[in-house]
C-alpha cells in the first residue's frame, strides 16, 4: 500500500500546487520558463501515475474486502461513467455549454469517476485509490470555482454544434472504452 499512497501523494501533490501554492508556482514559471515548468510537471505526474498503477496492481488481489457491492450498482456505475465521459470531453471541446456552466468539467468527471468506482469496488485498495481522488477533486473543484468567481472568469458558448460534438465524442469514447479499453488497460471487462 506504501507504493500506491506514495504515487497518490506525488500525482495529486503536483496537481495541487495551484491549489495551495499558486504564488510559488507563478514564481517558478517566471524563473525557469513555462516550457521547462510543464516538462517537470509532466515528468513528476508520470512518475506519480506509474507508482499509482504499480501500487494498485500489487494490492489489487490481496487487499481485504470491506463490503460486497450490490448488483444494481453495476448499472448505476455504467450511467455515471457515461456522464463522466461527457464531462471529460466537455473539458476539451471549446465553446460548449457544459464547460460554460460548470467551469471545470474535468474535475467533475474525476468526482463522477471516483464515485462510480466506489460503488462497485469494495476492497480497501479501491477505497484508498478512488476515495483519495474523490476528496482531491472535491477540494480542487471548490477552490477552482472560487478562483473563477473572484477573477470573473467566464467560459464562452459558441453554439449547439459544440454541445452535440461533446455528446457524440463522449458516447463513442464510452462505448469503445467500456467494451475494449477498460479490459486492455485495467484487466476488467465492465460489461462481462
C-alpha atoms as a PDB file:
ATOM      1  CA  UNK A   1       0.000   0.000   0.000  1.00  0.00           C
ATOM      2  CA  UNK A   2       3.011   2.287   0.533  1.00  0.00           C
ATOM      3  CA  UNK A   3       3.731   2.424  -3.210  1.00  0.00           C
ATOM      4  CA  UNK A   4       0.109   3.317  -4.037  1.00  0.00           C
ATOM      5  CA  UNK A   5      -0.035   6.002  -1.342  1.00  0.00           C
ATOM      6  CA  UNK A   6       3.332   7.408  -2.468  1.00  0.00           C
ATOM      7  CA  UNK A   7       2.049   7.595  -6.041  1.00  0.00           C
ATOM      8  CA  UNK A   8      -1.142   9.335  -4.906  1.00  0.00           C
ATOM      9  CA  UNK A   9       0.851  11.850  -2.882  1.00  0.00           C
ATOM     10  CA  UNK A  10       3.163  12.614  -5.791  1.00  0.00           C
ATOM     11  CA  UNK A  11       0.500  12.712  -8.519  1.00  0.00           C
ATOM     12  CA  UNK A  12      -2.139  14.617  -6.585  1.00  0.00           C
ATOM     13  CA  UNK A  13       0.506  16.715  -4.866  1.00  0.00           C
ATOM     14  CA  UNK A  14       1.808  18.095  -8.152  1.00  0.00           C
ATOM     15  CA  UNK A  15      -1.783  18.584  -9.321  1.00  0.00           C
ATOM     16  CA  UNK A  16      -2.484  20.547  -6.120  1.00  0.00           C
ATOM     17  CA  UNK A  17       0.298  23.099  -6.449  1.00  0.00           C
ATOM     18  CA  UNK A  18      -2.061  25.656  -7.926  1.00  0.00           C
ATOM     19  CA  UNK A  19      -4.491  24.950  -5.095  1.00  0.00           C
ATOM     20  CA  UNK A  20      -2.114  25.558  -2.236  1.00  0.00           C
ATOM     21  CA  UNK A  21       0.907  27.368  -3.658  1.00  0.00           C
ATOM     22  CA  UNK A  22      -0.227  29.376  -6.666  1.00  0.00           C
ATOM     23  CA  UNK A  23       2.174  32.223  -5.924  1.00  0.00           C
ATOM     24  CA  UNK A  24       5.134  29.844  -5.675  1.00  0.00           C
ATOM     25  CA  UNK A  25       4.059  28.194  -8.923  1.00  0.00           C
ATOM     26  CA  UNK A  26       3.915  31.565 -10.680  1.00  0.00           C
ATOM     27  CA  UNK A  27       7.402  32.488  -9.396  1.00  0.00           C
ATOM     28  CA  UNK A  28       8.832  29.164 -10.590  1.00  0.00           C
ATOM     29  CA  UNK A  29       7.334  29.615 -14.059  1.00  0.00           C
ATOM     30  CA  UNK A  30       8.813  33.119 -14.212  1.00  0.00           C
ATOM     31  CA  UNK A  31      12.185  31.833 -13.001  1.00  0.00           C
ATOM     32  CA  UNK A  32      12.605  28.788 -15.277  1.00  0.00           C
ATOM     33  CA  UNK A  33      10.041  29.438 -18.020  1.00  0.00           C
ATOM     34  CA  UNK A  34       6.699  27.889 -18.921  1.00  0.00           C
ATOM     35  CA  UNK A  35       8.070  25.062 -21.071  1.00  0.00           C
ATOM     36  CA  UNK A  36      10.576  23.720 -18.510  1.00  0.00           C
ATOM     37  CA  UNK A  37       7.884  24.013 -15.820  1.00  0.00           C
ATOM     38  CA  UNK A  38       5.474  21.958 -17.934  1.00  0.00           C
ATOM     39  CA  UNK A  39       8.203  19.382 -18.571  1.00  0.00           C
ATOM     40  CA  UNK A  40       8.989  18.972 -14.882  1.00  0.00           C
ATOM     41  CA  UNK A  41       5.276  18.890 -14.072  1.00  0.00           C
ATOM     42  CA  UNK A  42       4.695  16.183 -16.680  1.00  0.00           C
ATOM     43  CA  UNK A  43       7.636  14.041 -15.515  1.00  0.00           C
ATOM     44  CA  UNK A  44       6.590  14.212 -11.871  1.00  0.00           C
ATOM     45  CA  UNK A  45       2.976  13.459 -12.846  1.00  0.00           C
ATOM     46  CA  UNK A  46       4.020  10.447 -14.915  1.00  0.00           C
ATOM     47  CA  UNK A  47       6.199   9.140 -12.074  1.00  0.00           C
ATOM     48  CA  UNK A  48       3.305   9.521  -9.611  1.00  0.00           C
ATOM     49  CA  UNK A  49       0.864   7.880 -12.007  1.00  0.00           C
ATOM     50  CA  UNK A  50       3.262   4.960 -12.595  1.00  0.00           C
ATOM     51  CA  UNK A  51       3.523   4.434  -8.842  1.00  0.00           C
ATOM     52  CA  UNK A  52      -0.283   4.532  -8.535  1.00  0.00           C
ATOM     53  CA  UNK A  53      -0.674   1.869 -11.221  1.00  0.00           C
ATOM     54  CA  UNK A  54       2.129  -0.291  -9.808  1.00  0.00           C
ATOM     55  CA  UNK A  55       0.910   0.059  -6.217  1.00  0.00           C
ATOM     56  CA  UNK A  56      -2.675  -0.705  -7.193  1.00  0.00           C
ATOM     57  CA  UNK A  57      -1.626  -3.814  -9.121  1.00  0.00           C
ATOM     58  CA  UNK A  58       0.418  -5.041  -6.139  1.00  0.00           C
ATOM     59  CA  UNK A  59      -2.565  -4.709  -3.787  1.00  0.00           C
ATOM     60  CA  UNK A  60      -5.418  -5.497  -6.135  1.00  0.00           C
ATOM     61  CA  UNK A  61      -5.848  -9.210  -5.441  1.00  0.00           C
ATOM     62  CA  UNK A  62      -4.708  -9.347  -1.807  1.00  0.00           C
ATOM     63  CA  UNK A  63      -6.440  -6.273  -0.393  1.00  0.00           C
ATOM     64  CA  UNK A  64      -9.123  -7.068   2.188  1.00  0.00           C
ATOM     65  CA  UNK A  65     -12.732  -6.924   1.059  1.00  0.00           C
ATOM     66  CA  UNK A  66     -14.596  -4.363   3.184  1.00  0.00           C
ATOM     67  CA  UNK A  67     -18.006  -4.722   1.548  1.00  0.00           C
ATOM     68  CA  UNK A  68     -19.687  -6.502  -1.352  1.00  0.00           C
ATOM     69  CA  UNK A  69     -21.225  -4.136  -3.891  1.00  0.00           C
ATOM     70  CA  UNK A  70     -24.875  -4.831  -4.754  1.00  0.00           C
ATOM     71  CA  UNK A  71     -25.636  -5.974  -8.298  1.00  0.00           C
ATOM     72  CA  UNK A  72     -27.658  -2.835  -9.138  1.00  0.00           C
ATOM     73  CA  UNK A  73     -24.557  -0.719  -8.588  1.00  0.00           C
ATOM     74  CA  UNK A  74     -23.144  -2.027 -11.893  1.00  0.00           C
ATOM     75  CA  UNK A  75     -25.921  -0.313 -13.838  1.00  0.00           C
ATOM     76  CA  UNK A  76     -25.614   2.931 -11.899  1.00  0.00           C
ATOM     77  CA  UNK A  77     -21.855   2.876 -12.418  1.00  0.00           C
ATOM     78  CA  UNK A  78     -22.300   2.494 -16.178  1.00  0.00           C
ATOM     79  CA  UNK A  79     -24.602   5.509 -16.240  1.00  0.00           C
ATOM     80  CA  UNK A  80     -22.241   7.563 -14.067  1.00  0.00           C
ATOM     81  CA  UNK A  81     -19.308   6.648 -16.293  1.00  0.00           C
ATOM     82  CA  UNK A  82     -21.193   7.854 -19.361  1.00  0.00           C
ATOM     83  CA  UNK A  83     -21.713  11.160 -17.523  1.00  0.00           C
ATOM     84  CA  UNK A  84     -18.008  11.205 -16.610  1.00  0.00           C
ATOM     85  CA  UNK A  85     -17.065  10.753 -20.276  1.00  0.00           C
ATOM     86  CA  UNK A  86     -19.361  13.630 -21.287  1.00  0.00           C
ATOM     87  CA  UNK A  87     -17.769  15.865 -18.652  1.00  0.00           C
ATOM     88  CA  UNK A  88     -14.272  14.798 -19.670  1.00  0.00           C
ATOM     89  CA  UNK A  89     -14.875  15.576 -23.330  1.00  0.00           C
ATOM     90  CA  UNK A  90     -16.519  18.892 -22.377  1.00  0.00           C
ATOM     91  CA  UNK A  91     -13.235  19.907 -20.760  1.00  0.00           C
ATOM     92  CA  UNK A  92     -11.502  19.764 -24.149  1.00  0.00           C
ATOM     93  CA  UNK A  93     -14.121  20.950 -26.662  1.00  0.00           C
ATOM     94  CA  UNK A  94     -14.085  24.751 -26.541  1.00  0.00           C
ATOM     95  CA  UNK A  95     -17.316  26.709 -26.560  1.00  0.00           C
ATOM     96  CA  UNK A  96     -19.681  24.083 -25.148  1.00  0.00           C
ATOM     97  CA  UNK A  97     -22.442  24.798 -22.638  1.00  0.00           C
ATOM     98  CA  UNK A  98     -21.241  22.263 -20.074  1.00  0.00           C
ATOM     99  CA  UNK A  99     -17.893  23.990 -19.634  1.00  0.00           C
ATOM    100  CA  UNK A 100     -19.617  27.389 -19.626  1.00  0.00           C
ATOM    101  CA  UNK A 101     -21.944  26.208 -16.868  1.00  0.00           C
ATOM    102  CA  UNK A 102     -19.622  24.242 -14.569  1.00  0.00           C
ATOM    103  CA  UNK A 103     -16.268  25.815 -15.400  1.00  0.00           C
ATOM    104  CA  UNK A 104     -14.166  22.760 -14.621  1.00  0.00           C
ATOM    105  CA  UNK A 105     -15.787  19.670 -16.148  1.00  0.00           C
ATOM    106  CA  UNK A 106     -12.569  17.620 -15.822  1.00  0.00           C
ATOM    107  CA  UNK A 107     -12.808  17.866 -12.045  1.00  0.00           C
ATOM    108  CA  UNK A 108     -16.490  16.917 -12.131  1.00  0.00           C
ATOM    109  CA  UNK A 109     -15.558  13.978 -14.363  1.00  0.00           C
ATOM    110  CA  UNK A 110     -12.967  12.906 -11.796  1.00  0.00           C
ATOM    111  CA  UNK A 111     -15.526  13.114  -8.978  1.00  0.00           C
ATOM    112  CA  UNK A 112     -18.075  11.158 -11.016  1.00  0.00           C
ATOM    113  CA  UNK A 113     -15.477   8.530 -11.976  1.00  0.00           C
ATOM    114  CA  UNK A 114     -14.428   8.126  -8.346  1.00  0.00           C
ATOM    115  CA  UNK A 115     -17.990   7.800  -7.022  1.00  0.00           C
ATOM    116  CA  UNK A 116     -18.876   5.331  -9.791  1.00  0.00           C
ATOM    117  CA  UNK A 117     -15.909   3.142  -8.946  1.00  0.00           C
ATOM    118  CA  UNK A 118     -16.505   3.327  -5.198  1.00  0.00           C
ATOM    119  CA  UNK A 119     -19.997   1.947  -5.858  1.00  0.00           C
ATOM    120  CA  UNK A 120     -18.723  -1.240  -7.488  1.00  0.00           C
ATOM    121  CA  UNK A 121     -15.442  -1.863  -5.679  1.00  0.00           C
ATOM    122  CA  UNK A 122     -15.344  -2.787  -2.015  1.00  0.00           C
ATOM    123  CA  UNK A 123     -11.705  -3.596  -1.313  1.00  0.00           C
ATOM    124  CA  UNK A 124      -9.502  -1.442   0.886  1.00  0.00           C
ATOM    125  CA  UNK A 125      -7.211  -0.625  -2.042  1.00  0.00           C
ATOM    126  CA  UNK A 126     -10.220   0.618  -4.036  1.00  0.00           C
ATOM    127  CA  UNK A 127     -11.360   2.851  -1.186  1.00  0.00           C
ATOM    128  CA  UNK A 128      -7.858   4.313  -0.888  1.00  0.00           C
ATOM    129  CA  UNK A 129      -7.486   4.940  -4.629  1.00  0.00           C
ATOM    130  CA  UNK A 130     -10.944   6.189  -5.567  1.00  0.00           C
ATOM    131  CA  UNK A 131     -11.646   7.841  -2.219  1.00  0.00           C
ATOM    132  CA  UNK A 132      -8.434   9.856  -2.410  1.00  0.00           C
ATOM    133  CA  UNK A 133      -9.228  11.037  -5.929  1.00  0.00           C
ATOM    134  CA  UNK A 134     -12.772  11.942  -4.830  1.00  0.00           C
ATOM    135  CA  UNK A 135     -11.587  14.040  -1.882  1.00  0.00           C
ATOM    136  CA  UNK A 136      -8.949  15.765  -4.033  1.00  0.00           C
ATOM    137  CA  UNK A 137     -11.422  16.525  -6.846  1.00  0.00           C
ATOM    138  CA  UNK A 138     -13.978  17.967  -4.409  1.00  0.00           C
ATOM    139  CA  UNK A 139     -11.354  20.286  -2.911  1.00  0.00           C
ATOM    140  CA  UNK A 140      -9.873  21.281  -6.272  1.00  0.00           C
ATOM    141  CA  UNK A 141     -13.298  21.982  -7.770  1.00  0.00           C
ATOM    142  CA  UNK A 142     -14.298  24.210  -4.848  1.00  0.00           C
ATOM    143  CA  UNK A 143     -11.051  26.200  -4.980  1.00  0.00           C
ATOM    144  CA  UNK A 144     -11.106  26.475  -8.782  1.00  0.00           C
ATOM    145  CA  UNK A 145     -14.702  27.705  -8.872  1.00  0.00           C
ATOM    146  CA  UNK A 146     -13.962  30.247  -6.145  1.00  0.00           C
ATOM    147  CA  UNK A 147     -10.891  31.461  -8.054  1.00  0.00           C
ATOM    148  CA  UNK A 148     -13.027  31.821 -11.204  1.00  0.00           C
ATOM    149  CA  UNK A 149     -15.675  33.826  -9.348  1.00  0.00           C
ATOM    150  CA  UNK A 150     -13.087  36.148  -7.806  1.00  0.00           C
ATOM    151  CA  UNK A 151     -11.471  36.738 -11.210  1.00  0.00           C
ATOM    152  CA  UNK A 152     -14.837  36.998 -13.022  1.00  0.00           C
ATOM    153  CA  UNK A 153     -13.813  34.174 -15.349  1.00  0.00           C
ATOM    154  CA  UNK A 154     -16.457  33.074 -17.825  1.00  0.00           C
ATOM    155  CA  UNK A 155     -16.314  30.414 -20.491  1.00  0.00           C
ATOM    156  CA  UNK A 156     -17.834  31.298 -23.875  1.00  0.00           C
ATOM    157  CA  UNK A 157     -20.542  29.332 -25.660  1.00  0.00           C
ATOM    158  CA  UNK A 158     -20.017  29.057 -29.417  1.00  0.00           C
ATOM    159  CA  UNK A 159     -23.123  27.124 -30.366  1.00  0.00           C
ATOM    160  CA  UNK A 160     -25.216  23.989 -30.186  1.00  0.00           C
ATOM    161  CA  UNK A 161     -22.870  22.167 -32.580  1.00  0.00           C
ATOM    162  CA  UNK A 162     -20.213  22.164 -29.830  1.00  0.00           C
ATOM    163  CA  UNK A 163     -22.659  20.572 -27.380  1.00  0.00           C
ATOM    164  CA  UNK A 164     -23.599  17.913 -29.924  1.00  0.00           C
ATOM    165  CA  UNK A 165     -19.907  17.278 -30.622  1.00  0.00           C
ATOM    166  CA  UNK A 166     -19.263  16.740 -26.913  1.00  0.00           C
ATOM    167  CA  UNK A 167     -22.092  14.188 -26.655  1.00  0.00           C
ATOM    168  CA  UNK A 168     -21.142  12.298 -29.832  1.00  0.00           C
ATOM    169  CA  UNK A 169     -17.449  12.043 -28.933  1.00  0.00           C
ATOM    170  CA  UNK A 170     -18.281  11.073 -25.342  1.00  0.00           C
ATOM    171  CA  UNK A 171     -20.714   8.301 -26.313  1.00  0.00           C
ATOM    172  CA  UNK A 172     -18.298   6.825 -28.876  1.00  0.00           C
ATOM    173  CA  UNK A 173     -15.389   7.004 -26.410  1.00  0.00           C
ATOM    174  CA  UNK A 174     -17.503   5.490 -23.623  1.00  0.00           C
ATOM    175  CA  UNK A 175     -18.678   2.562 -25.740  1.00  0.00           C
ATOM    176  CA  UNK A 176     -15.173   1.869 -27.051  1.00  0.00           C
ATOM    177  CA  UNK A 177     -13.553   2.138 -23.629  1.00  0.00           C
ATOM    178  CA  UNK A 178     -16.221   0.077 -21.851  1.00  0.00           C
ATOM    179  CA  UNK A 179     -16.029  -2.748 -24.390  1.00  0.00           C
ATOM    180  CA  UNK A 180     -12.301  -2.750 -25.193  1.00  0.00           C
ATOM    181  CA  UNK A 181     -10.153  -0.181 -23.419  1.00  0.00           C
ATOM    182  CA  UNK A 182     -11.024  -0.932 -19.794  1.00  0.00           C
ATOM    183  CA  UNK A 183     -10.113  -4.590 -20.132  1.00  0.00           C
ATOM    184  CA  UNK A 184      -6.938  -3.779 -22.048  1.00  0.00           C
ATOM    185  CA  UNK A 185      -5.769  -1.151 -19.538  1.00  0.00           C
ATOM    186  CA  UNK A 186      -7.211  -2.432 -16.265  1.00  0.00           C
ATOM    187  CA  UNK A 187      -7.835  -6.123 -16.920  1.00  0.00           C
ATOM    188  CA  UNK A 188     -11.540  -5.944 -16.082  1.00  0.00           C
ATOM    189  CA  UNK A 189     -14.478  -6.152 -18.508  1.00  0.00           C
ATOM    190  CA  UNK A 190     -17.170  -3.818 -17.128  1.00  0.00           C
ATOM    191  CA  UNK A 191     -19.929  -5.481 -19.147  1.00  0.00           C
ATOM    192  CA  UNK A 192     -18.909  -9.081 -18.641  1.00  0.00           C
END
